[in-house]
Each structure stands twice: as C-alpha cells, then as structure tokens.
Amino acid sequence: MIELKEWIEDGITIRKTNNGYQVFTIPTQHFDINDLSELTPDRFKAEVEKQQKNIEMQNELLALAFGKRVKAGLFDDLFKND
C-alpha cells in the first residue's frame, strides 16, 4: 500500500460495477478496472498521464473557441467602459 500512497493520499473511491470497479482519485479522476489487482503504481501513473492529456486538449479547444469569438468581437460588450 505504501507504493500507492502518492496516488491516493488525498482519498480514493472504489465502486463496484457490473463489469468490475470504477476508481476515483483527484489526480486520475474516474477510471474503470476489471480486478483490484490492477491498482498498481504503473496504472495510476498511466491514468494521471491520460487525465493530463485530456486537460491539455480541453484547454486547447477552449482557447480555439474563445479566441475566435474574441477576434469576431462577440465579447466586446463585456469590455466596454461607457
């Protein structure tokens, strides 16, 4: 359990599902496993990396969406000082 400490020190939730388990930690968010033996440091590391990539993609998409709206002037009324 000590080798998992860095991944679960802020808490862990494990919920039984029809297909195995759903695990939640703050750094990994939700992920599914078939068996509790899959909860290894390597699995947690992979899930954290996956979550970080998801966050990067979301940030890129938001930047693209809001960047286009700013250029189009759709937010001008929010920044006017009348």
PDB file of N, CA and C in Angstrom:
ATOM      1  N   MET A   1       0.825  -1.198   0.000  1.00  0.00           N
ATOM      2  CA  MET A   1       0.000   0.000   0.000  1.00  0.00           C
ATOM      3  C   MET A   1       0.870   1.263   0.000  1.00  0.00           C
ATOM      4  N   ILE A   2       2.064   1.181   0.560  1.00  0.00           N
ATOM      5  CA  ILE A   2       2.946   2.349   0.609  1.00  0.00           C
ATOM      6  C   ILE A   2       3.272   2.835  -0.800  1.00  0.00           C
ATOM      7  N   GLU A   3       3.435   1.917  -1.757  1.00  0.00           N
ATOM      8  CA  GLU A   3       3.782   2.322  -3.116  1.00  0.00           C
ATOM      9  C   GLU A   3       2.641   3.071  -3.810  1.00  0.00           C
ATOM     10  N   LEU A   4       1.429   2.974  -3.282  1.00  0.00           N
ATOM     11  CA  LEU A   4       0.277   3.686  -3.840  1.00  0.00           C
ATOM     12  C   LEU A   4      -0.005   5.004  -3.124  1.00  0.00           C
ATOM     13  N   LYS A   5       0.712   5.271  -2.050  1.00  0.00           N
ATOM     14  CA  LYS A   5       0.407   6.428  -1.196  1.00  0.00           C
ATOM     15  C   LYS A   5       0.332   7.741  -1.970  1.00  0.00           C
ATOM     16  N   GLU A   6       1.291   7.994  -2.849  1.00  0.00           N
ATOM     17  CA  GLU A   6       1.299   9.283  -3.555  1.00  0.00           C
ATOM     18  C   GLU A   6       0.069   9.457  -4.443  1.00  0.00           C
ATOM     19  N   TRP A   7      -0.530   8.358  -4.872  1.00  0.00           N
ATOM     20  CA  TRP A   7      -1.685   8.440  -5.762  1.00  0.00           C
ATOM     21  C   TRP A   7      -3.000   8.549  -4.996  1.00  0.00           C
ATOM     22  N   ILE A   8      -3.030   8.065  -3.763  1.00  0.00           N
ATOM     23  CA  ILE A   8      -4.300   8.004  -3.035  1.00  0.00           C
ATOM     24  C   ILE A   8      -4.319   8.818  -1.747  1.00  0.00           C
ATOM     25  N   GLU A   9      -3.258   9.587  -1.474  1.00  0.00           N
ATOM     26  CA  GLU A   9      -3.190  10.300  -0.199  1.00  0.00           C
ATOM     27  C   GLU A   9      -4.305  11.331  -0.019  1.00  0.00           C
ATOM     28  N   ASP A  10      -4.879  11.833  -1.103  1.00  0.00           N
ATOM     29  CA  ASP A  10      -5.991  12.786  -0.999  1.00  0.00           C
ATOM     30  C   ASP A  10      -7.343  12.089  -0.988  1.00  0.00           C
ATOM     31  N   GLY A  11      -7.327  10.754  -1.026  1.00  0.00           N
ATOM     32  CA  GLY A  11      -8.555   9.978  -0.978  1.00  0.00           C
ATOM     33  C   GLY A  11      -8.725   9.128  -2.223  1.00  0.00           C
ATOM     34  N   ILE A  12      -9.483   8.076  -2.052  1.00  0.00           N
ATOM     35  CA  ILE A  12      -9.787   7.181  -3.165  1.00  0.00           C
ATOM     36  C   ILE A  12     -11.196   6.638  -2.954  1.00  0.00           C
ATOM     37  N   THR A  13     -11.920   6.505  -4.051  1.00  0.00           N
ATOM     38  CA  THR A  13     -13.235   5.884  -4.019  1.00  0.00           C
ATOM     39  C   THR A  13     -13.205   4.720  -4.992  1.00  0.00           C
ATOM     40  N   ILE A  14     -13.654   3.571  -4.541  1.00  0.00           N
ATOM     41  CA  ILE A  14     -13.745   2.396  -5.395  1.00  0.00           C
ATOM     42  C   ILE A  14     -15.187   1.909  -5.323  1.00  0.00           C
ATOM     43  N   ARG A  15     -15.819   1.885  -6.489  1.00  0.00           N
ATOM     44  CA  ARG A  15     -17.230   1.493  -6.553  1.00  0.00           C
ATOM     45  C   ARG A  15     -17.366   0.249  -7.409  1.00  0.00           C
ATOM     46  N   LYS A  16     -18.046  -0.750  -6.892  1.00  0.00           N
ATOM     47  CA  LYS A  16     -18.303  -1.995  -7.627  1.00  0.00           C
ATOM     48  C   LYS A  16     -19.291  -1.721  -8.756  1.00  0.00           C
ATOM     49  N   THR A  17     -18.987  -2.227  -9.944  1.00  0.00           N
ATOM     50  CA  THR A  17     -19.879  -2.111 -11.094  1.00  0.00           C
ATOM     51  C   THR A  17     -20.167  -3.513 -11.635  1.00  0.00           C
ATOM     52  N   ASN A  18     -21.016  -3.594 -12.631  1.00  0.00           N
ATOM     53  CA  ASN A  18     -21.318  -4.889 -13.253  1.00  0.00           C
ATOM     54  C   ASN A  18     -20.091  -5.499 -13.942  1.00  0.00           C
ATOM     55  N   ASN A  19     -19.181  -4.637 -14.391  1.00  0.00           N
ATOM     56  CA  ASN A  19     -18.014  -5.103 -15.153  1.00  0.00           C
ATOM     57  C   ASN A  19     -16.717  -5.068 -14.360  1.00  0.00           C
ATOM     58  N   GLY A  20     -16.771  -4.793 -13.091  1.00  0.00           N
ATOM     59  CA  GLY A  20     -15.552  -4.689 -12.289  1.00  0.00           C
ATOM     60  C   GLY A  20     -15.688  -3.591 -11.256  1.00  0.00           C
ATOM     61  N   TYR A  21     -14.852  -2.553 -11.408  1.00  0.00           N
ATOM     62  CA  TYR A  21     -14.841  -1.457 -10.449  1.00  0.00           C
ATOM     63  C   TYR A  21     -14.621  -0.125 -11.166  1.00  0.00           C
ATOM     64  N   GLN A  22     -15.127   0.936 -10.569  1.00  0.00           N
ATOM     65  CA  GLN A  22     -14.805   2.281 -11.008  1.00  0.00           C
ATOM     66  C   GLN A  22     -14.026   2.935  -9.879  1.00  0.00           C
ATOM     67  N   VAL A  23     -12.877   3.482 -10.226  1.00  0.00           N
ATOM     68  CA  VAL A  23     -11.970   4.081  -9.252  1.00  0.00           C
ATOM     69  C   VAL A  23     -11.944   5.587  -9.478  1.00  0.00           C
ATOM     70  N   PHE A  24     -11.886   6.339  -8.381  1.00  0.00           N
ATOM     71  CA  PHE A  24     -11.766   7.794  -8.486  1.00  0.00           C
ATOM     72  C   PHE A  24     -10.709   8.278  -7.504  1.00  0.00           C
ATOM     73  N   THR A  25      -9.781   9.072  -8.007  1.00  0.00           N
ATOM     74  CA  THR A  25      -8.879   9.867  -7.168  1.00  0.00           C
ATOM     75  C   THR A  25      -8.818  11.251  -7.807  1.00  0.00           C
ATOM     76  N   ILE A  26      -8.358  12.221  -7.076  1.00  0.00           N
ATOM     77  CA  ILE A  26      -8.302  13.579  -7.632  1.00  0.00           C
ATOM     78  C   ILE A  26      -7.363  13.649  -8.843  1.00  0.00           C
ATOM     79  N   PRO A  27      -6.149  13.097  -8.763  1.00  0.00           N
ATOM     80  CA  PRO A  27      -5.277  13.227  -9.943  1.00  0.00           C
ATOM     81  C   PRO A  27      -5.707  12.404 -11.153  1.00  0.00           C
ATOM     82  N   THR A  28      -6.410  11.287 -10.932  1.00  0.00           N
ATOM     83  CA  THR A  28      -6.787  10.431 -12.060  1.00  0.00           C
ATOM     84  C   THR A  28      -8.193  10.689 -12.559  1.00  0.00           C
ATOM     85  N   GLN A  29      -9.049  11.251 -11.715  1.00  0.00           N
ATOM     86  CA  GLN A  29     -10.479  11.310 -11.968  1.00  0.00           C
ATOM     87  C   GLN A  29     -10.995   9.873 -12.046  1.00  0.00           C
ATOM     88  N   HIS A  30     -12.050   9.598 -12.799  1.00  0.00           N
ATOM     89  CA  HIS A  30     -12.631   8.249 -12.843  1.00  0.00           C
ATOM     90  C   HIS A  30     -11.912   7.377 -13.865  1.00  0.00           C
ATOM     91  N   PHE A  31     -11.704   6.126 -13.494  1.00  0.00           N
ATOM     92  CA  PHE A  31     -11.262   5.129 -14.468  1.00  0.00           C
ATOM     93  C   PHE A  31     -11.790   3.764 -14.043  1.00  0.00           C
ATOM     94  N   ASP A  32     -11.920   2.879 -15.035  1.00  0.00           N
ATOM     95  CA  ASP A  32     -12.509   1.558 -14.793  1.00  0.00           C
ATOM     96  C   ASP A  32     -11.431   0.485 -14.773  1.00  0.00           C
ATOM     97  N   ILE A  33     -11.633  -0.511 -13.915  1.00  0.00           N
ATOM     98  CA  ILE A  33     -10.763  -1.676 -13.850  1.00  0.00           C
ATOM     99  C   ILE A  33     -11.640  -2.918 -13.753  1.00  0.00           C
ATOM    100  N   ASN A  34     -11.079  -4.045 -14.133  1.00  0.00           N
ATOM    101  CA  ASN A  34     -11.804  -5.305 -14.033  1.00  0.00           C
ATOM    102  C   ASN A  34     -11.553  -5.991 -12.697  1.00  0.00           C
ATOM    103  N   ASP A  35     -10.349  -5.810 -12.163  1.00  0.00           N
ATOM    104  CA  ASP A  35      -9.956  -6.508 -10.945  1.00  0.00           C
ATOM    105  C   ASP A  35      -9.115  -5.580 -10.076  1.00  0.00           C
ATOM    106  N   LEU A  36      -9.231  -5.724  -8.767  1.00  0.00           N
ATOM    107  CA  LEU A  36      -8.485  -4.855  -7.851  1.00  0.00           C
ATOM    108  C   LEU A  36      -6.976  -5.017  -7.985  1.00  0.00           C
ATOM    109  N   SER A  37      -6.527  -6.133  -8.517  1.00  0.00           N
ATOM    110  CA  SER A  37      -5.085  -6.330  -8.712  1.00  0.00           C
ATOM    111  C   SER A  37      -4.504  -5.364  -9.747  1.00  0.00           C
ATOM    112  N   GLU A  38      -5.360  -4.697 -10.506  1.00  0.00           N
ATOM    113  CA  GLU A  38      -4.912  -3.712 -11.493  1.00  0.00           C
ATOM    114  C   GLU A  38      -4.485  -2.392 -10.851  1.00  0.00           C
ATOM    115  N   LEU A  39      -4.755  -2.223  -9.566  1.00  0.00           N
ATOM    116  CA  LEU A  39      -4.392  -0.978  -8.877  1.00  0.00           C
ATOM    117  C   LEU A  39      -2.912  -1.019  -8.491  1.00  0.00           C
ATOM    118  N   THR A  40      -2.089  -0.667  -9.460  1.00  0.00           N
ATOM    119  CA  THR A  40      -0.640  -0.650  -9.277  1.00  0.00           C
ATOM    120  C   THR A  40      -0.125   0.771  -9.490  1.00  0.00           C
ATOM    121  N   PRO A  41       1.084   1.065  -9.023  1.00  0.00           N
ATOM    122  CA  PRO A  41       1.648   2.398  -9.285  1.00  0.00           C
ATOM    123  C   PRO A  41       1.704   2.728 -10.777  1.00  0.00           C
ATOM    124  N   ASP A  42       2.035   1.736 -11.598  1.00  0.00           N
ATOM    125  CA  ASP A  42       2.092   1.983 -13.049  1.00  0.00           C
ATOM    126  C   ASP A  42       0.728   2.339 -13.615  1.00  0.00           C
ATOM    127  N   ARG A  43      -0.312   1.702 -13.130  1.00  0.00           N
ATOM    128  CA  ARG A  43      -1.672   2.007 -13.606  1.00  0.00           C
ATOM    129  C   ARG A  43      -2.068   3.419 -13.206  1.00  0.00           C
ATOM    130  N   PHE A  44      -1.785   3.794 -11.949  1.00  0.00           N
ATOM    131  CA  PHE A  44      -2.108   5.148 -11.510  1.00  0.00           C
ATOM    132  C   PHE A  44      -1.332   6.180 -12.327  1.00  0.00           C
ATOM    133  N   LYS A  45      -0.061   5.908 -12.580  1.00  0.00           N
ATOM    134  CA  LYS A  45       0.748   6.839 -13.367  1.00  0.00           C
ATOM    135  C   LYS A  45       0.165   7.005 -14.768  1.00  0.00           C
ATOM    136  N   ALA A  46      -0.236   5.895 -15.385  1.00  0.00           N
ATOM    137  CA  ALA A  46      -0.823   5.951 -16.729  1.00  0.00           C
ATOM    138  C   ALA A  46      -2.129   6.732 -16.725  1.00  0.00           C
ATOM    139  N   GLU A  47      -2.947   6.540 -15.705  1.00  0.00           N
ATOM    140  CA  GLU A  47      -4.223   7.253 -15.628  1.00  0.00           C
ATOM    141  C   GLU A  47      -4.020   8.752 -15.392  1.00  0.00           C
ATOM    142  N   VAL A  48      -3.004   9.114 -14.601  1.00  0.00           N
ATOM    143  CA  VAL A  48      -2.693  10.539 -14.389  1.00  0.00           C
ATOM    144  C   VAL A  48      -2.236  11.162 -15.702  1.00  0.00           C
ATOM    145  N   GLU A  49      -1.384  10.473 -16.439  1.00  0.00           N
ATOM    146  CA  GLU A  49      -0.917  10.992 -17.728  1.00  0.00           C
ATOM    147  C   GLU A  49      -2.079  11.156 -18.700  1.00  0.00           C
ATOM    148  N   LYS A  50      -2.983  10.198 -18.710  1.00  0.00           N
ATOM    149  CA  LYS A  50      -4.172  10.271 -19.567  1.00  0.00           C
ATOM    150  C   LYS A  50      -5.029  11.479 -19.201  1.00  0.00           C
ATOM    151  N   GLN A  51      -5.213  11.702 -17.919  1.00  0.00           N
ATOM    152  CA  GLN A  51      -6.003  12.845 -17.453  1.00  0.00           C
ATOM    153  C   GLN A  51      -5.333  14.167 -17.821  1.00  0.00           C
ATOM    154  N   GLN A  52      -4.016  14.233 -17.683  1.00  0.00           N
ATOM    155  CA  GLN A  52      -3.292  15.456 -18.046  1.00  0.00           C
ATOM    156  C   GLN A  52      -3.434  15.755 -19.536  1.00  0.00           C
ATOM    157  N   LYS A  53      -3.383  14.730 -20.376  1.00  0.00           N
ATOM    158  CA  LYS A  53      -3.574  14.927 -21.817  1.00  0.00           C
ATOM    159  C   LYS A  53      -4.990  15.420 -22.114  1.00  0.00           C
ATOM    160  N   ASN A  54      -5.978  14.864 -21.408  1.00  0.00           N
ATOM    161  CA  ASN A  54      -7.361  15.321 -21.586  1.00  0.00           C
ATOM    162  C   ASN A  54      -7.505  16.793 -21.227  1.00  0.00           C
ATOM    163  N   ILE A  55      -6.883  17.211 -20.137  1.00  0.00           N
ATOM    164  CA  ILE A  55      -6.948  18.611 -19.719  1.00  0.00           C
ATOM    165  C   ILE A  55      -6.285  19.507 -20.753  1.00  0.00           C
ATOM    166  N   GLU A  56      -5.140  19.086 -21.277  1.00  0.00           N
ATOM    167  CA  GLU A  56      -4.454  19.876 -22.304  1.00  0.00           C
ATOM    168  C   GLU A  56      -5.327  20.041 -23.546  1.00  0.00           C
ATOM    169  N   MET A  57      -5.978  18.953 -23.970  1.00  0.00           N
ATOM    170  CA  MET A  57      -6.857  19.034 -25.144  1.00  0.00           C
ATOM    171  C   MET A  57      -8.043  19.960 -24.885  1.00  0.00           C
ATOM    172  N   GLN A  58      -8.633  19.869 -23.694  1.00  0.00           N
ATOM    173  CA  GLN A  58      -9.756  20.745 -23.357  1.00  0.00           C
ATOM    174  C   GLN A  58      -9.323  22.201 -23.384  1.00  0.00           C
ATOM    175  N   ASN A  59      -8.149  22.484 -22.833  1.00  0.00           N
ATOM    176  CA  ASN A  59      -7.642  23.859 -22.817  1.00  0.00           C
ATOM    177  C   ASN A  59      -7.391  24.375 -24.230  1.00  0.00           C
ATOM    178  N   GLU A  60      -6.849  23.514 -25.094  1.00  0.00           N
ATOM    179  CA  GLU A  60      -6.619  23.920 -26.481  1.00  0.00           C
ATOM    180  C   GLU A  60      -7.938  24.215 -27.197  1.00  0.00           C
ATOM    181  N   LEU A  61      -8.937  23.362 -26.979  1.00  0.00           N
ATOM    182  CA  LEU A  61     -10.231  23.583 -27.607  1.00  0.00           C
ATOM    183  C   LEU A  61     -10.896  24.862 -27.114  1.00  0.00           C
ATOM    184  N   LEU A  62     -10.806  25.103 -25.797  1.00  0.00           N
ATOM    185  CA  LEU A  62     -11.380  26.341 -25.262  1.00  0.00           C
ATOM    186  C   LEU A  62     -10.662  27.561 -25.822  1.00  0.00           C
ATOM    187  N   ALA A  63      -9.349  27.473 -25.932  1.00  0.00           N
ATOM    188  CA  ALA A  63      -8.592  28.603 -26.485  1.00  0.00           C
ATOM    189  C   ALA A  63      -8.993  28.854 -27.931  1.00  0.00           C
ATOM    190  N   LEU A  64      -9.173  27.792 -28.692  1.00  0.00           N
ATOM    191  CA  LEU A  64      -9.600  27.964 -30.081  1.00  0.00           C
ATOM    192  C   LEU A  64     -10.990  28.575 -30.165  1.00  0.00           C
ATOM    193  N   ALA A  65     -11.899  28.082 -29.361  1.00  0.00           N
ATOM    194  CA  ALA A  65     -13.280  28.569 -29.397  1.00  0.00           C
ATOM    195  C   ALA A  65     -13.362  30.019 -28.940  1.00  0.00           C
ATOM    196  N   PHE A  66     -12.772  30.324 -27.806  1.00  0.00           N
ATOM    197  CA  PHE A  66     -12.868  31.681 -27.292  1.00  0.00           C
ATOM    198  C   PHE A  66     -11.996  32.638 -28.069  1.00  0.00           C
ATOM    199  N   GLY A  67     -10.890  32.164 -28.594  1.00  0.00           N
ATOM    200  CA  GLY A  67     -10.036  33.017 -29.418  1.00  0.00           C
ATOM    201  C   GLY A  67     -10.778  33.512 -30.639  1.00  0.00           C
ATOM    202  N   LYS A  68     -11.534  32.639 -31.298  1.00  0.00           N
ATOM    203  CA  LYS A  68     -12.312  33.027 -32.471  1.00  0.00           C
ATOM    204  C   LYS A  68     -13.402  34.014 -32.084  1.00  0.00           C
ATOM    205  N   ARG A  69     -14.014  33.818 -30.941  1.00  0.00           N
ATOM    206  CA  ARG A  69     -15.091  34.729 -30.528  1.00  0.00           C
ATOM    207  C   ARG A  69     -14.543  36.110 -30.176  1.00  0.00           C
ATOM    208  N   VAL A  70     -13.368  36.152 -29.580  1.00  0.00           N
ATOM    209  CA  VAL A  70     -12.768  37.444 -29.253  1.00  0.00           C
ATOM    210  C   VAL A  70     -12.429  38.184 -30.536  1.00  0.00           C
ATOM    211  N   LYS A  71     -11.842  37.486 -31.504  1.00  0.00           N
ATOM    212  CA  LYS A  71     -11.498  38.112 -32.774  1.00  0.00           C
ATOM    213  C   LYS A  71     -12.746  38.601 -33.505  1.00  0.00           C
ATOM    214  N   ALA A  72     -13.857  37.891 -33.364  1.00  0.00           N
ATOM    215  CA  ALA A  72     -15.101  38.269 -34.036  1.00  0.00           C
ATOM    216  C   ALA A  72     -15.825  39.396 -33.307  1.00  0.00           C
ATOM    217  N   GLY A  73     -15.328  39.786 -32.137  1.00  0.00           N
ATOM    218  CA  GLY A  73     -15.942  40.872 -31.390  1.00  0.00           C
ATOM    219  C   GLY A  73     -17.167  40.475 -30.591  1.00  0.00           C
ATOM    220  N   LEU A  74     -17.368  39.202 -30.371  1.00  0.00           N
ATOM    221  CA  LEU A  74     -18.572  38.749 -29.667  1.00  0.00           C
ATOM    222  C   LEU A  74     -18.570  39.105 -28.180  1.00  0.00           C
ATOM    223  N   PHE A  75     -17.416  39.420 -27.624  1.00  0.00           N
ATOM    224  CA  PHE A  75     -17.341  39.764 -26.212  1.00  0.00           C
ATOM    225  C   PHE A  75     -17.071  41.251 -25.989  1.00  0.00           C
ATOM    226  N   ASP A  76     -17.175  42.053 -27.044  1.00  0.00           N
ATOM    227  CA  ASP A  76     -16.872  43.486 -26.918  1.00  0.00           C
ATOM    228  C   ASP A  76     -17.687  44.170 -25.849  1.00  0.00           C
ATOM    229  N   ASP A  77     -18.953  43.809 -25.718  1.00  0.00           N
ATOM    230  CA  ASP A  77     -19.814  44.484 -24.736  1.00  0.00           C
ATOM    231  C   ASP A  77     -19.358  44.201 -23.305  1.00  0.00           C
ATOM    232  N   LEU A  78     -18.622  43.136 -23.081  1.00  0.00           N
ATOM    233  CA  LEU A  78     -18.148  42.847 -21.725  1.00  0.00           C
ATOM    234  C   LEU A  78     -16.967  43.725 -21.340  1.00  0.00           C
ATOM    235  N   PHE A  79     -16.283  44.279 -22.331  1.00  0.00           N
ATOM    236  CA  PHE A  79     -15.059  45.024 -22.034  1.00  0.00           C
ATOM    237  C   PHE A  79     -15.170  46.521 -22.302  1.00  0.00           C
ATOM    238  N   LYS A  80     -16.355  46.987 -22.695  1.00  0.00           N
ATOM    239  CA  LYS A  80     -16.538  48.413 -22.947  1.00  0.00           C
ATOM    240  C   LYS A  80     -16.634  49.191 -21.640  1.00  0.00           C
ATOM    241  N   ASN A  81     -16.006  50.343 -21.619  1.00  0.00           N
ATOM    242  CA  ASN A  81     -16.087  51.247 -20.453  1.00  0.00           C
ATOM    243  C   ASN A  81     -16.872  52.478 -20.866  1.00  0.00           C
ATOM    244  N   ASP A  82     -18.188  52.403 -20.777  1.00  0.00           N
ATOM    245  CA  ASP A  82     -19.047  53.525 -21.195  1.00  0.00           C
ATOM    246  C   ASP A  82     -19.020  54.646 -20.202  1.00  0.00           C
TER     247      ASP A  82
END
